[in-house]
Amino acid sequence: QKTSRHWWFQLNEKNSSLPPLYSILSTDEQVIIKEWFEATDVLFSKLDRTPKEAGIPALSFLHGLIMGNNISKIVECGTNYGYATLLLGIMQKKMQNRNSLFTVDIDQLKTDFAKSWATRAGLSEYVKLHTGDSASPETAREALNYLGGEIELVYIDSSHMYSHTIRELETWYPLVKAGGFIVLHDANFYYHQQVMKGMPQAGGGVFRALTEWRE
C-alpha cells in the first residue's frame, strides 16, 4: 500500500527481495503480518490517529542481535498493538525458545488486540502478554517469574516520556544478566529537539532520560 507505514518497500520498489526480518516468515506468517497491517489500518482510521510502530530498520537490528546470539529471555516494554511482539515472538518460535518473550502495555485494549494476533500466529507457548506499568516492580516480578529468573534483553518502546523512561531504566537495569542488553526505541536527538521546540507529543524524553541516567 502507498502509505507512510510501508516506506521501506516504497524505497525499495526496484528490489524484489524481502528484508531478512521478513525472510524468516513462512507463507502463513507473511499473511498474518499483512492482515495485521490491514486490520490496524482500519482501526487507526476509526480512531483518526496516525499509526505508530517500530519500523523495519529497528526491528532488523533486533532480529540480527537476537537470532545471531540466540537470545531467549526478552522483555518488551510497550506492546502497543503487537507488531514488534509478533515478529519477536516468531523469532523465538523459529529458535524453539518457549517462555521467551514477556511483553507489557498499560492499555488493556491494546494488550487484548495484540494477544488475539499472537494466538493466531501460534505464539502462545513463546509469548506472555501482560497489562501493567512497564516501570513497576510488580511487572518486573511477573517478567522474572515467566522467564525463569533471567533477562537477556529489554526492549523499551513505551511512553517515550522522560520520567517514565528513567523509571524503566532503573527498574530493568539491575535485572539484566551480565553481558545482556537494553535497547531503546527513538533514543535520538531529533525527538529531543521536537520537545525542546514545544512539541511534547513527539515523545522525545528518551534521549534526555538515557543521557542523564547514563551519567
N, C-alpha and C. Protein backbone atom coordinates (compact mmCIF):
# COMPACT_ATOMS: atom_id res chain seq x y z
N GLN A 1 0.84 -1.19 0.00
CA GLN A 1 0.00 0.00 0.00
C GLN A 1 0.88 1.25 0.00
N LYS A 2 0.38 2.32 -0.61
CA LYS A 2 1.11 3.59 -0.67
C LYS A 2 0.82 4.43 0.56
N THR A 3 1.29 3.97 1.70
CA THR A 3 1.13 4.74 2.93
C THR A 3 2.48 4.86 3.60
N SER A 4 2.58 5.79 4.55
CA SER A 4 3.85 6.03 5.22
C SER A 4 4.30 4.83 6.05
N ARG A 5 3.39 3.94 6.38
CA ARG A 5 3.75 2.76 7.16
C ARG A 5 4.64 1.82 6.37
N HIS A 6 4.56 1.91 5.05
CA HIS A 6 5.27 0.94 4.20
C HIS A 6 6.37 1.61 3.40
N TRP A 7 6.99 2.66 3.99
CA TRP A 7 8.01 3.42 3.28
C TRP A 7 9.20 2.58 2.86
N TRP A 8 9.53 1.54 3.66
CA TRP A 8 10.70 0.72 3.33
C TRP A 8 10.52 0.07 1.96
N PHE A 9 9.32 -0.45 1.71
CA PHE A 9 9.07 -1.12 0.44
C PHE A 9 8.94 -0.12 -0.71
N GLN A 10 8.48 1.09 -0.39
CA GLN A 10 8.41 2.12 -1.43
C GLN A 10 9.80 2.56 -1.85
N LEU A 11 10.73 2.64 -0.91
CA LEU A 11 12.10 2.99 -1.24
C LEU A 11 12.81 1.88 -2.00
N ASN A 12 12.31 0.67 -1.84
CA ASN A 12 12.98 -0.49 -2.44
C ASN A 12 12.11 -1.16 -3.50
N GLU A 13 11.32 -0.36 -4.21
CA GLU A 13 10.39 -0.92 -5.19
C GLU A 13 11.10 -1.70 -6.29
N LYS A 14 12.31 -1.29 -6.63
CA LYS A 14 13.04 -1.97 -7.70
C LYS A 14 13.76 -3.22 -7.21
N ASN A 15 13.70 -3.44 -5.90
CA ASN A 15 14.35 -4.60 -5.30
C ASN A 15 13.27 -5.53 -4.77
N SER A 16 13.13 -6.67 -5.37
CA SER A 16 12.03 -7.58 -5.01
C SER A 16 12.34 -8.42 -3.77
N SER A 17 13.55 -8.31 -3.23
CA SER A 17 13.91 -9.12 -2.08
C SER A 17 13.24 -8.60 -0.81
N LEU A 18 13.04 -9.48 0.13
CA LEU A 18 12.50 -9.12 1.43
C LEU A 18 13.64 -8.80 2.38
N PRO A 19 13.40 -7.92 3.36
CA PRO A 19 14.42 -7.73 4.39
C PRO A 19 14.57 -9.03 5.17
N PRO A 20 15.76 -9.33 5.70
CA PRO A 20 15.94 -10.58 6.46
C PRO A 20 14.91 -10.77 7.56
N LEU A 21 14.46 -9.66 8.13
CA LEU A 21 13.43 -9.71 9.17
C LEU A 21 12.19 -10.45 8.69
N TYR A 22 11.82 -10.25 7.43
CA TYR A 22 10.62 -10.89 6.86
C TYR A 22 10.94 -12.22 6.17
N SER A 23 12.17 -12.40 5.78
CA SER A 23 12.51 -13.59 5.00
C SER A 23 12.41 -14.88 5.83
N ILE A 24 12.41 -14.74 7.17
CA ILE A 24 12.28 -15.93 8.01
C ILE A 24 10.82 -16.38 8.14
N LEU A 25 9.89 -15.53 7.69
CA LEU A 25 8.47 -15.83 7.86
C LEU A 25 8.01 -16.88 6.86
N SER A 26 7.21 -17.81 7.34
CA SER A 26 6.55 -18.74 6.43
C SER A 26 5.48 -17.99 5.65
N THR A 27 4.93 -18.64 4.63
CA THR A 27 3.86 -18.02 3.85
C THR A 27 2.69 -17.64 4.73
N ASP A 28 2.31 -18.54 5.63
CA ASP A 28 1.20 -18.25 6.54
C ASP A 28 1.51 -17.07 7.46
N GLU A 29 2.76 -16.99 7.93
CA GLU A 29 3.15 -15.89 8.81
C GLU A 29 3.18 -14.56 8.05
N GLN A 30 3.60 -14.60 6.79
CA GLN A 30 3.56 -13.39 5.97
C GLN A 30 2.12 -12.90 5.80
N VAL A 31 1.20 -13.83 5.63
CA VAL A 31 -0.22 -13.47 5.51
C VAL A 31 -0.71 -12.82 6.80
N ILE A 32 -0.30 -13.38 7.94
CA ILE A 32 -0.72 -12.82 9.23
C ILE A 32 -0.22 -11.39 9.38
N ILE A 33 1.03 -11.13 9.04
CA ILE A 33 1.57 -9.77 9.15
C ILE A 33 0.83 -8.84 8.20
N LYS A 34 0.57 -9.31 6.98
CA LYS A 34 -0.17 -8.49 6.01
C LYS A 34 -1.56 -8.16 6.53
N GLU A 35 -2.25 -9.15 7.08
CA GLU A 35 -3.60 -8.92 7.57
C GLU A 35 -3.60 -8.10 8.86
N TRP A 36 -2.52 -8.20 9.65
CA TRP A 36 -2.40 -7.34 10.83
C TRP A 36 -2.34 -5.88 10.39
N PHE A 37 -1.57 -5.59 9.35
CA PHE A 37 -1.49 -4.22 8.84
C PHE A 37 -2.86 -3.75 8.33
N GLU A 38 -3.56 -4.62 7.65
CA GLU A 38 -4.88 -4.24 7.13
C GLU A 38 -5.84 -3.95 8.29
N ALA A 39 -5.81 -4.80 9.30
CA ALA A 39 -6.71 -4.62 10.45
C ALA A 39 -6.39 -3.34 11.21
N THR A 40 -5.10 -3.06 11.39
CA THR A 40 -4.74 -1.85 12.13
C THR A 40 -4.91 -0.59 11.29
N ASP A 41 -4.82 -0.71 9.97
CA ASP A 41 -5.17 0.44 9.11
C ASP A 41 -6.61 0.86 9.37
N VAL A 42 -7.51 -0.11 9.42
CA VAL A 42 -8.93 0.16 9.69
C VAL A 42 -9.09 0.74 11.10
N LEU A 43 -8.41 0.13 12.06
CA LEU A 43 -8.51 0.57 13.45
C LEU A 43 -8.05 2.03 13.60
N PHE A 44 -6.91 2.36 13.05
CA PHE A 44 -6.39 3.71 13.19
C PHE A 44 -7.23 4.72 12.42
N SER A 45 -7.84 4.28 11.33
CA SER A 45 -8.73 5.16 10.58
C SER A 45 -9.94 5.53 11.43
N LYS A 46 -10.49 4.55 12.14
CA LYS A 46 -11.62 4.80 13.02
C LYS A 46 -11.24 5.71 14.18
N LEU A 47 -10.01 5.55 14.66
CA LEU A 47 -9.55 6.35 15.79
C LEU A 47 -9.04 7.71 15.34
N ASP A 48 -8.93 7.90 14.03
CA ASP A 48 -8.40 9.14 13.45
C ASP A 48 -7.02 9.44 14.02
N ARG A 49 -6.17 8.42 14.03
CA ARG A 49 -4.82 8.56 14.55
C ARG A 49 -3.81 8.03 13.54
N THR A 50 -2.59 8.53 13.63
CA THR A 50 -1.51 8.07 12.77
C THR A 50 -0.91 6.80 13.37
N PRO A 51 -0.80 5.74 12.58
CA PRO A 51 -0.20 4.50 13.10
C PRO A 51 1.24 4.73 13.55
N LYS A 52 1.59 4.11 14.66
CA LYS A 52 2.96 4.19 15.15
C LYS A 52 3.42 2.82 15.62
N GLU A 53 4.38 2.27 14.93
CA GLU A 53 5.03 1.05 15.38
C GLU A 53 6.49 1.12 14.95
N ALA A 54 7.33 0.38 15.62
CA ALA A 54 8.74 0.35 15.23
C ALA A 54 8.84 -0.13 13.79
N GLY A 55 9.75 0.46 13.03
CA GLY A 55 9.87 0.12 11.62
C GLY A 55 10.84 -1.00 11.35
N ILE A 56 11.01 -1.31 10.09
CA ILE A 56 11.89 -2.40 9.66
C ILE A 56 13.34 -2.19 10.11
N PRO A 57 13.92 -0.97 10.03
CA PRO A 57 15.31 -0.83 10.47
C PRO A 57 15.53 -1.21 11.94
N ALA A 58 14.67 -0.70 12.84
CA ALA A 58 14.84 -1.00 14.26
C ALA A 58 14.66 -2.49 14.54
N LEU A 59 13.65 -3.08 13.94
CA LEU A 59 13.38 -4.50 14.20
C LEU A 59 14.38 -5.39 13.48
N SER A 60 14.95 -4.92 12.39
CA SER A 60 16.02 -5.69 11.73
C SER A 60 17.26 -5.73 12.62
N PHE A 61 17.53 -4.62 13.30
CA PHE A 61 18.64 -4.61 14.27
C PHE A 61 18.39 -5.66 15.36
N LEU A 62 17.17 -5.66 15.89
CA LEU A 62 16.84 -6.64 16.93
C LEU A 62 16.89 -8.06 16.38
N HIS A 63 16.46 -8.24 15.15
CA HIS A 63 16.48 -9.56 14.52
C HIS A 63 17.89 -10.12 14.49
N GLY A 64 18.85 -9.31 14.04
CA GLY A 64 20.24 -9.77 13.99
C GLY A 64 20.81 -10.02 15.37
N LEU A 65 20.50 -9.12 16.30
CA LEU A 65 21.01 -9.25 17.66
C LEU A 65 20.46 -10.49 18.34
N ILE A 66 19.16 -10.70 18.22
CA ILE A 66 18.50 -11.81 18.92
C ILE A 66 18.82 -13.16 18.29
N MET A 67 18.60 -13.27 16.99
CA MET A 67 18.81 -14.57 16.35
C MET A 67 20.29 -14.88 16.16
N GLY A 68 21.10 -13.83 16.03
CA GLY A 68 22.54 -14.05 15.92
C GLY A 68 23.17 -14.53 17.21
N ASN A 69 22.51 -14.26 18.34
CA ASN A 69 23.05 -14.65 19.64
C ASN A 69 22.15 -15.64 20.38
N ASN A 70 21.08 -16.09 19.73
CA ASN A 70 20.09 -16.99 20.35
C ASN A 70 19.64 -16.43 21.71
N ILE A 71 19.29 -15.15 21.71
CA ILE A 71 18.76 -14.52 22.92
C ILE A 71 17.33 -15.00 23.14
N SER A 72 17.06 -15.52 24.33
CA SER A 72 15.78 -16.20 24.53
C SER A 72 15.02 -15.73 25.77
N LYS A 73 15.51 -14.69 26.43
CA LYS A 73 14.82 -14.17 27.62
C LYS A 73 14.66 -12.67 27.44
N ILE A 74 13.51 -12.26 26.91
CA ILE A 74 13.32 -10.89 26.44
C ILE A 74 12.13 -10.24 27.14
N VAL A 75 12.29 -8.98 27.51
CA VAL A 75 11.19 -8.15 27.99
C VAL A 75 10.97 -7.05 26.98
N GLU A 76 9.72 -6.89 26.54
CA GLU A 76 9.34 -5.79 25.66
C GLU A 76 8.46 -4.83 26.44
N CYS A 77 8.91 -3.60 26.61
CA CYS A 77 8.13 -2.57 27.29
C CYS A 77 7.40 -1.75 26.23
N GLY A 78 6.08 -1.92 26.15
CA GLY A 78 5.30 -1.23 25.15
C GLY A 78 4.84 -2.14 24.03
N THR A 79 3.86 -2.99 24.33
CA THR A 79 3.34 -3.92 23.32
C THR A 79 2.67 -3.17 22.17
N ASN A 80 1.99 -2.07 22.52
CA ASN A 80 1.17 -1.33 21.57
C ASN A 80 0.16 -2.31 20.94
N TYR A 81 0.03 -2.33 19.62
CA TYR A 81 -0.94 -3.25 19.00
C TYR A 81 -0.29 -4.56 18.54
N GLY A 82 1.00 -4.73 18.82
CA GLY A 82 1.58 -6.06 18.68
C GLY A 82 2.46 -6.33 17.48
N TYR A 83 2.83 -5.32 16.70
CA TYR A 83 3.67 -5.59 15.52
C TYR A 83 5.02 -6.18 15.92
N ALA A 84 5.76 -5.46 16.78
CA ALA A 84 7.05 -5.99 17.22
C ALA A 84 6.88 -7.29 17.99
N THR A 85 5.82 -7.37 18.77
CA THR A 85 5.56 -8.59 19.54
C THR A 85 5.43 -9.80 18.62
N LEU A 86 4.69 -9.65 17.53
CA LEU A 86 4.53 -10.74 16.57
C LEU A 86 5.88 -11.17 16.00
N LEU A 87 6.66 -10.19 15.54
CA LEU A 87 7.92 -10.53 14.89
C LEU A 87 8.94 -11.09 15.88
N LEU A 88 9.00 -10.52 17.09
CA LEU A 88 9.91 -11.06 18.11
C LEU A 88 9.47 -12.46 18.53
N GLY A 89 8.15 -12.66 18.65
CA GLY A 89 7.65 -13.97 19.02
C GLY A 89 7.93 -15.02 17.95
N ILE A 90 7.79 -14.64 16.69
CA ILE A 90 8.08 -15.57 15.60
C ILE A 90 9.56 -15.95 15.60
N MET A 91 10.44 -14.99 15.91
CA MET A 91 11.86 -15.32 16.02
C MET A 91 12.08 -16.41 17.06
N GLN A 92 11.42 -16.26 18.21
CA GLN A 92 11.58 -17.24 19.27
C GLN A 92 10.98 -18.60 18.87
N LYS A 93 9.89 -18.55 18.14
CA LYS A 93 9.29 -19.79 17.67
C LYS A 93 10.23 -20.52 16.72
N LYS A 94 10.91 -19.78 15.85
CA LYS A 94 11.86 -20.39 14.91
C LYS A 94 13.00 -21.06 15.68
N MET A 95 13.40 -20.44 16.80
CA MET A 95 14.51 -20.99 17.58
C MET A 95 14.04 -21.99 18.63
N GLN A 96 12.70 -22.18 18.71
CA GLN A 96 12.09 -23.11 19.66
C GLN A 96 12.42 -22.76 21.11
N ASN A 97 12.40 -21.47 21.41
CA ASN A 97 12.63 -20.99 22.78
C ASN A 97 11.30 -20.65 23.43
N ARG A 98 10.75 -21.58 24.17
CA ARG A 98 9.47 -21.36 24.81
C ARG A 98 9.61 -20.45 26.04
N ASN A 99 8.51 -19.80 26.41
CA ASN A 99 8.50 -18.86 27.54
C ASN A 99 9.67 -17.88 27.42
N SER A 100 9.75 -17.21 26.28
CA SER A 100 10.95 -16.42 25.99
C SER A 100 10.70 -14.93 25.81
N LEU A 101 9.45 -14.51 25.63
CA LEU A 101 9.16 -13.08 25.42
C LEU A 101 8.04 -12.65 26.36
N PHE A 102 8.36 -11.72 27.25
CA PHE A 102 7.37 -11.12 28.14
C PHE A 102 7.15 -9.70 27.66
N THR A 103 5.92 -9.37 27.27
CA THR A 103 5.63 -8.04 26.75
C THR A 103 4.55 -7.39 27.58
N VAL A 104 4.70 -6.08 27.83
CA VAL A 104 3.79 -5.38 28.74
C VAL A 104 3.33 -4.07 28.12
N ASP A 105 2.05 -3.76 28.34
CA ASP A 105 1.48 -2.48 27.92
C ASP A 105 0.48 -2.03 28.98
N ILE A 106 0.37 -0.73 29.16
CA ILE A 106 -0.53 -0.18 30.16
C ILE A 106 -2.00 -0.25 29.73
N ASP A 107 -2.24 -0.41 28.43
CA ASP A 107 -3.58 -0.36 27.85
C ASP A 107 -4.14 -1.77 27.64
N GLN A 108 -5.22 -2.09 28.36
CA GLN A 108 -5.80 -3.42 28.27
C GLN A 108 -6.32 -3.73 26.87
N LEU A 109 -6.93 -2.74 26.21
CA LEU A 109 -7.46 -2.97 24.86
C LEU A 109 -6.35 -3.30 23.87
N LYS A 110 -5.23 -2.62 23.99
CA LYS A 110 -4.09 -2.92 23.11
C LYS A 110 -3.55 -4.32 23.40
N THR A 111 -3.47 -4.66 24.67
CA THR A 111 -2.99 -5.98 25.05
C THR A 111 -3.89 -7.06 24.49
N ASP A 112 -5.19 -6.88 24.61
CA ASP A 112 -6.14 -7.87 24.10
C ASP A 112 -6.03 -8.00 22.58
N PHE A 113 -5.89 -6.88 21.90
CA PHE A 113 -5.76 -6.90 20.44
C PHE A 113 -4.50 -7.67 20.05
N ALA A 114 -3.38 -7.32 20.68
CA ALA A 114 -2.12 -7.99 20.35
C ALA A 114 -2.17 -9.48 20.69
N LYS A 115 -2.84 -9.81 21.80
CA LYS A 115 -2.92 -11.21 22.20
C LYS A 115 -3.69 -12.04 21.18
N SER A 116 -4.74 -11.47 20.62
CA SER A 116 -5.53 -12.20 19.62
C SER A 116 -4.68 -12.54 18.39
N TRP A 117 -3.80 -11.62 18.01
CA TRP A 117 -2.94 -11.87 16.85
C TRP A 117 -1.79 -12.81 17.20
N ALA A 118 -1.27 -12.71 18.41
CA ALA A 118 -0.22 -13.63 18.83
C ALA A 118 -0.74 -15.06 18.89
N THR A 119 -1.97 -15.20 19.36
CA THR A 119 -2.60 -16.54 19.39
C THR A 119 -2.78 -17.07 17.99
N ARG A 120 -3.25 -16.23 17.10
CA ARG A 120 -3.43 -16.62 15.70
C ARG A 120 -2.11 -17.07 15.06
N ALA A 121 -1.01 -16.43 15.46
CA ALA A 121 0.30 -16.77 14.90
C ALA A 121 0.92 -17.99 15.59
N GLY A 122 0.21 -18.58 16.54
CA GLY A 122 0.71 -19.78 17.22
C GLY A 122 1.83 -19.49 18.20
N LEU A 123 1.74 -18.33 18.88
CA LEU A 123 2.84 -17.91 19.75
C LEU A 123 2.54 -18.07 21.24
N SER A 124 1.46 -18.75 21.58
CA SER A 124 1.05 -18.84 22.98
C SER A 124 2.11 -19.48 23.88
N GLU A 125 2.90 -20.39 23.33
CA GLU A 125 3.94 -21.06 24.12
C GLU A 125 5.20 -20.21 24.25
N TYR A 126 5.26 -19.14 23.49
CA TYR A 126 6.50 -18.37 23.42
C TYR A 126 6.38 -16.96 24.01
N VAL A 127 5.16 -16.45 24.09
CA VAL A 127 4.94 -15.05 24.45
C VAL A 127 3.93 -14.94 25.59
N LYS A 128 4.24 -14.09 26.55
CA LYS A 128 3.32 -13.74 27.62
C LYS A 128 2.97 -12.27 27.48
N LEU A 129 1.68 -11.96 27.32
CA LEU A 129 1.23 -10.57 27.22
C LEU A 129 0.63 -10.14 28.54
N HIS A 130 1.16 -9.03 29.06
CA HIS A 130 0.79 -8.57 30.40
C HIS A 130 0.32 -7.13 30.34
N THR A 131 -0.74 -6.82 31.07
CA THR A 131 -1.21 -5.44 31.17
C THR A 131 -0.72 -4.84 32.48
N GLY A 132 0.00 -3.72 32.38
CA GLY A 132 0.51 -3.08 33.58
C GLY A 132 1.49 -1.98 33.22
N ASP A 133 2.11 -1.42 34.24
CA ASP A 133 3.09 -0.36 34.08
C ASP A 133 4.45 -0.99 33.82
N SER A 134 5.07 -0.65 32.70
CA SER A 134 6.35 -1.27 32.34
C SER A 134 7.51 -0.82 33.23
N ALA A 135 7.26 0.13 34.14
CA ALA A 135 8.31 0.58 35.05
C ALA A 135 8.10 0.11 36.48
N SER A 136 7.08 -0.71 36.72
CA SER A 136 6.75 -1.07 38.10
C SER A 136 7.47 -2.34 38.56
N PRO A 137 7.80 -2.42 39.84
CA PRO A 137 8.41 -3.64 40.39
C PRO A 137 7.50 -4.86 40.24
N GLU A 138 6.18 -4.64 40.30
CA GLU A 138 5.25 -5.76 40.15
C GLU A 138 5.38 -6.39 38.76
N THR A 139 5.48 -5.54 37.75
CA THR A 139 5.66 -6.04 36.39
C THR A 139 6.98 -6.78 36.26
N ALA A 140 8.02 -6.25 36.86
CA ALA A 140 9.33 -6.90 36.82
C ALA A 140 9.27 -8.29 37.45
N ARG A 141 8.55 -8.41 38.56
CA ARG A 141 8.41 -9.73 39.20
C ARG A 141 7.66 -10.70 38.30
N GLU A 142 6.61 -10.22 37.64
CA GLU A 142 5.87 -11.07 36.70
C GLU A 142 6.78 -11.55 35.57
N ALA A 143 7.61 -10.64 35.07
CA ALA A 143 8.51 -10.99 33.97
C ALA A 143 9.53 -12.04 34.41
N LEU A 144 10.13 -11.84 35.57
CA LEU A 144 11.12 -12.80 36.06
C LEU A 144 10.50 -14.16 36.30
N ASN A 145 9.28 -14.16 36.80
CA ASN A 145 8.59 -15.43 37.02
C ASN A 145 8.35 -16.17 35.71
N TYR A 146 7.92 -15.44 34.69
CA TYR A 146 7.63 -16.07 33.39
C TYR A 146 8.91 -16.53 32.69
N LEU A 147 9.95 -15.73 32.76
CA LEU A 147 11.19 -16.03 32.04
C LEU A 147 12.13 -16.95 32.81
N GLY A 148 11.74 -17.32 34.00
CA GLY A 148 12.58 -18.23 34.76
C GLY A 148 13.72 -17.54 35.50
N GLY A 149 13.52 -16.28 35.87
CA GLY A 149 14.51 -15.60 36.70
C GLY A 149 15.70 -15.03 35.97
N GLU A 150 15.63 -14.92 34.65
CA GLU A 150 16.77 -14.39 33.90
C GLU A 150 16.28 -13.51 32.75
N ILE A 151 16.93 -12.37 32.56
CA ILE A 151 16.60 -11.47 31.45
C ILE A 151 17.87 -11.19 30.66
N GLU A 152 17.80 -11.43 29.35
CA GLU A 152 18.96 -11.20 28.49
C GLU A 152 18.84 -9.89 27.71
N LEU A 153 17.61 -9.47 27.44
CA LEU A 153 17.42 -8.25 26.66
C LEU A 153 16.12 -7.57 27.07
N VAL A 154 16.19 -6.26 27.24
CA VAL A 154 15.00 -5.45 27.48
C VAL A 154 14.87 -4.46 26.33
N TYR A 155 13.72 -4.48 25.67
CA TYR A 155 13.44 -3.56 24.55
C TYR A 155 12.40 -2.56 25.02
N ILE A 156 12.79 -1.28 25.11
CA ILE A 156 11.91 -0.24 25.63
C ILE A 156 11.36 0.61 24.49
N ASP A 157 10.04 0.51 24.28
CA ASP A 157 9.34 1.30 23.25
C ASP A 157 7.94 1.60 23.77
N SER A 158 7.89 2.33 24.88
CA SER A 158 6.61 2.53 25.57
C SER A 158 6.18 3.99 25.52
N SER A 159 6.22 4.69 26.63
CA SER A 159 5.65 6.04 26.69
C SER A 159 6.50 7.10 25.99
N HIS A 160 7.81 6.88 25.94
CA HIS A 160 8.77 7.86 25.40
C HIS A 160 8.86 9.11 26.26
N MET A 161 8.28 9.07 27.44
CA MET A 161 8.32 10.22 28.33
C MET A 161 9.54 10.14 29.25
N TYR A 162 10.09 11.30 29.56
CA TYR A 162 11.35 11.38 30.30
C TYR A 162 11.29 10.64 31.65
N SER A 163 10.36 11.02 32.51
CA SER A 163 10.34 10.46 33.86
C SER A 163 10.04 8.97 33.84
N HIS A 164 9.17 8.55 32.94
CA HIS A 164 8.82 7.13 32.87
C HIS A 164 9.98 6.31 32.33
N THR A 165 10.69 6.84 31.36
CA THR A 165 11.84 6.12 30.81
C THR A 165 12.93 5.97 31.86
N ILE A 166 13.14 7.01 32.66
CA ILE A 166 14.09 6.92 33.77
C ILE A 166 13.71 5.76 34.69
N ARG A 167 12.43 5.69 35.03
CA ARG A 167 11.98 4.62 35.94
C ARG A 167 12.14 3.25 35.30
N GLU A 168 11.90 3.15 34.00
CA GLU A 168 12.10 1.87 33.31
C GLU A 168 13.56 1.44 33.38
N LEU A 169 14.47 2.37 33.12
CA LEU A 169 15.89 2.04 33.19
C LEU A 169 16.29 1.62 34.60
N GLU A 170 15.78 2.32 35.59
CA GLU A 170 16.11 1.98 36.98
C GLU A 170 15.51 0.63 37.39
N THR A 171 14.35 0.31 36.83
CA THR A 171 13.69 -0.96 37.16
C THR A 171 14.41 -2.15 36.52
N TRP A 172 14.74 -2.04 35.24
CA TRP A 172 15.21 -3.21 34.50
C TRP A 172 16.72 -3.41 34.51
N TYR A 173 17.49 -2.34 34.60
CA TYR A 173 18.94 -2.49 34.51
C TYR A 173 19.51 -3.49 35.52
N PRO A 174 19.10 -3.44 36.80
CA PRO A 174 19.67 -4.40 37.75
C PRO A 174 19.28 -5.85 37.48
N LEU A 175 18.26 -6.05 36.65
CA LEU A 175 17.75 -7.40 36.42
C LEU A 175 18.30 -8.06 35.17
N VAL A 176 19.01 -7.30 34.34
CA VAL A 176 19.58 -7.86 33.11
C VAL A 176 20.88 -8.59 33.45
N LYS A 177 21.02 -9.81 32.93
CA LYS A 177 22.20 -10.61 33.23
C LYS A 177 23.46 -9.94 32.68
N ALA A 178 24.60 -10.27 33.23
CA ALA A 178 25.88 -9.74 32.74
C ALA A 178 26.04 -10.08 31.27
N GLY A 179 26.40 -9.08 30.47
CA GLY A 179 26.52 -9.29 29.03
C GLY A 179 25.23 -9.12 28.28
N GLY A 180 24.14 -8.76 28.99
CA GLY A 180 22.85 -8.57 28.34
C GLY A 180 22.72 -7.18 27.76
N PHE A 181 21.50 -6.86 27.29
CA PHE A 181 21.29 -5.62 26.56
C PHE A 181 20.01 -4.91 27.01
N ILE A 182 20.05 -3.58 26.95
CA ILE A 182 18.84 -2.75 26.98
C ILE A 182 18.84 -1.96 25.68
N VAL A 183 17.78 -2.07 24.90
CA VAL A 183 17.64 -1.37 23.63
C VAL A 183 16.45 -0.42 23.74
N LEU A 184 16.66 0.85 23.40
CA LEU A 184 15.59 1.85 23.48
C LEU A 184 15.23 2.36 22.10
N HIS A 185 13.95 2.41 21.81
CA HIS A 185 13.48 2.95 20.52
C HIS A 185 13.35 4.47 20.61
N ASP A 186 13.67 5.15 19.51
CA ASP A 186 13.56 6.62 19.42
C ASP A 186 14.45 7.34 20.43
N ALA A 187 15.57 6.74 20.75
CA ALA A 187 16.52 7.39 21.67
C ALA A 187 17.48 8.25 20.87
N ASN A 188 16.94 9.23 20.16
CA ASN A 188 17.80 10.05 19.31
C ASN A 188 17.53 11.53 19.53
N PHE A 189 18.47 12.33 19.07
CA PHE A 189 18.44 13.76 19.34
C PHE A 189 17.31 14.47 18.60
N TYR A 190 16.86 13.93 17.47
CA TYR A 190 15.78 14.57 16.72
C TYR A 190 14.53 14.72 17.58
N TYR A 191 14.10 13.65 18.24
CA TYR A 191 12.91 13.72 19.06
C TYR A 191 13.11 14.64 20.26
N HIS A 192 14.33 14.66 20.78
CA HIS A 192 14.65 15.58 21.87
C HIS A 192 14.45 17.02 21.40
N GLN A 193 14.88 17.33 20.18
CA GLN A 193 14.73 18.67 19.65
C GLN A 193 13.26 19.06 19.51
N GLN A 194 12.41 18.10 19.12
CA GLN A 194 10.99 18.40 18.98
C GLN A 194 10.38 18.81 20.32
N VAL A 195 10.80 18.15 21.39
CA VAL A 195 10.31 18.50 22.72
C VAL A 195 10.78 19.90 23.10
N MET A 196 12.05 20.18 22.79
CA MET A 196 12.59 21.50 23.11
C MET A 196 11.87 22.61 22.33
N LYS A 197 11.27 22.25 21.20
CA LYS A 197 10.52 23.22 20.39
C LYS A 197 9.06 23.34 20.84
N GLY A 198 8.74 22.67 21.94
CA GLY A 198 7.37 22.75 22.46
C GLY A 198 6.43 21.74 21.87
N MET A 199 6.97 20.57 21.47
CA MET A 199 6.15 19.51 20.90
C MET A 199 6.28 18.25 21.75
N PRO A 200 5.76 18.27 22.99
CA PRO A 200 5.92 17.11 23.87
C PRO A 200 5.28 15.84 23.32
N GLN A 201 4.33 15.99 22.38
CA GLN A 201 3.70 14.81 21.82
C GLN A 201 4.68 13.97 21.00
N ALA A 202 5.83 14.56 20.66
CA ALA A 202 6.85 13.81 19.92
C ALA A 202 7.47 12.73 20.79
N GLY A 203 7.29 12.84 22.10
CA GLY A 203 7.79 11.79 23.00
C GLY A 203 9.30 11.73 23.06
N GLY A 204 9.96 12.88 22.95
CA GLY A 204 11.42 12.88 22.89
C GLY A 204 12.13 12.77 24.20
N GLY A 205 11.46 12.32 25.24
CA GLY A 205 12.10 12.21 26.54
C GLY A 205 13.09 11.09 26.66
N VAL A 206 13.12 10.18 25.69
CA VAL A 206 14.02 9.02 25.77
C VAL A 206 15.48 9.46 25.71
N PHE A 207 15.80 10.36 24.80
CA PHE A 207 17.18 10.83 24.66
C PHE A 207 17.67 11.46 25.96
N ARG A 208 16.86 12.36 26.51
CA ARG A 208 17.25 13.03 27.76
C ARG A 208 17.36 12.03 28.90
N ALA A 209 16.38 11.13 29.00
CA ALA A 209 16.40 10.15 30.08
C ALA A 209 17.65 9.26 30.01
N LEU A 210 17.95 8.77 28.81
CA LEU A 210 19.11 7.90 28.65
C LEU A 210 20.41 8.64 28.97
N THR A 211 20.50 9.88 28.47
CA THR A 211 21.72 10.66 28.69
C THR A 211 21.95 10.93 30.18
N GLU A 212 20.91 11.37 30.87
CA GLU A 212 21.07 11.71 32.29
C GLU A 212 21.25 10.45 33.14
N TRP A 213 20.48 9.41 32.82
CA TRP A 213 20.61 8.17 33.59
C TRP A 213 22.00 7.56 33.44
N ARG A 214 22.51 7.59 32.23
CA ARG A 214 23.84 7.02 31.98
C ARG A 214 24.91 7.77 32.76
N GLU A 215 24.78 9.10 32.81
CA GLU A 215 25.75 9.89 33.58
C GLU A 215 25.69 9.58 35.06
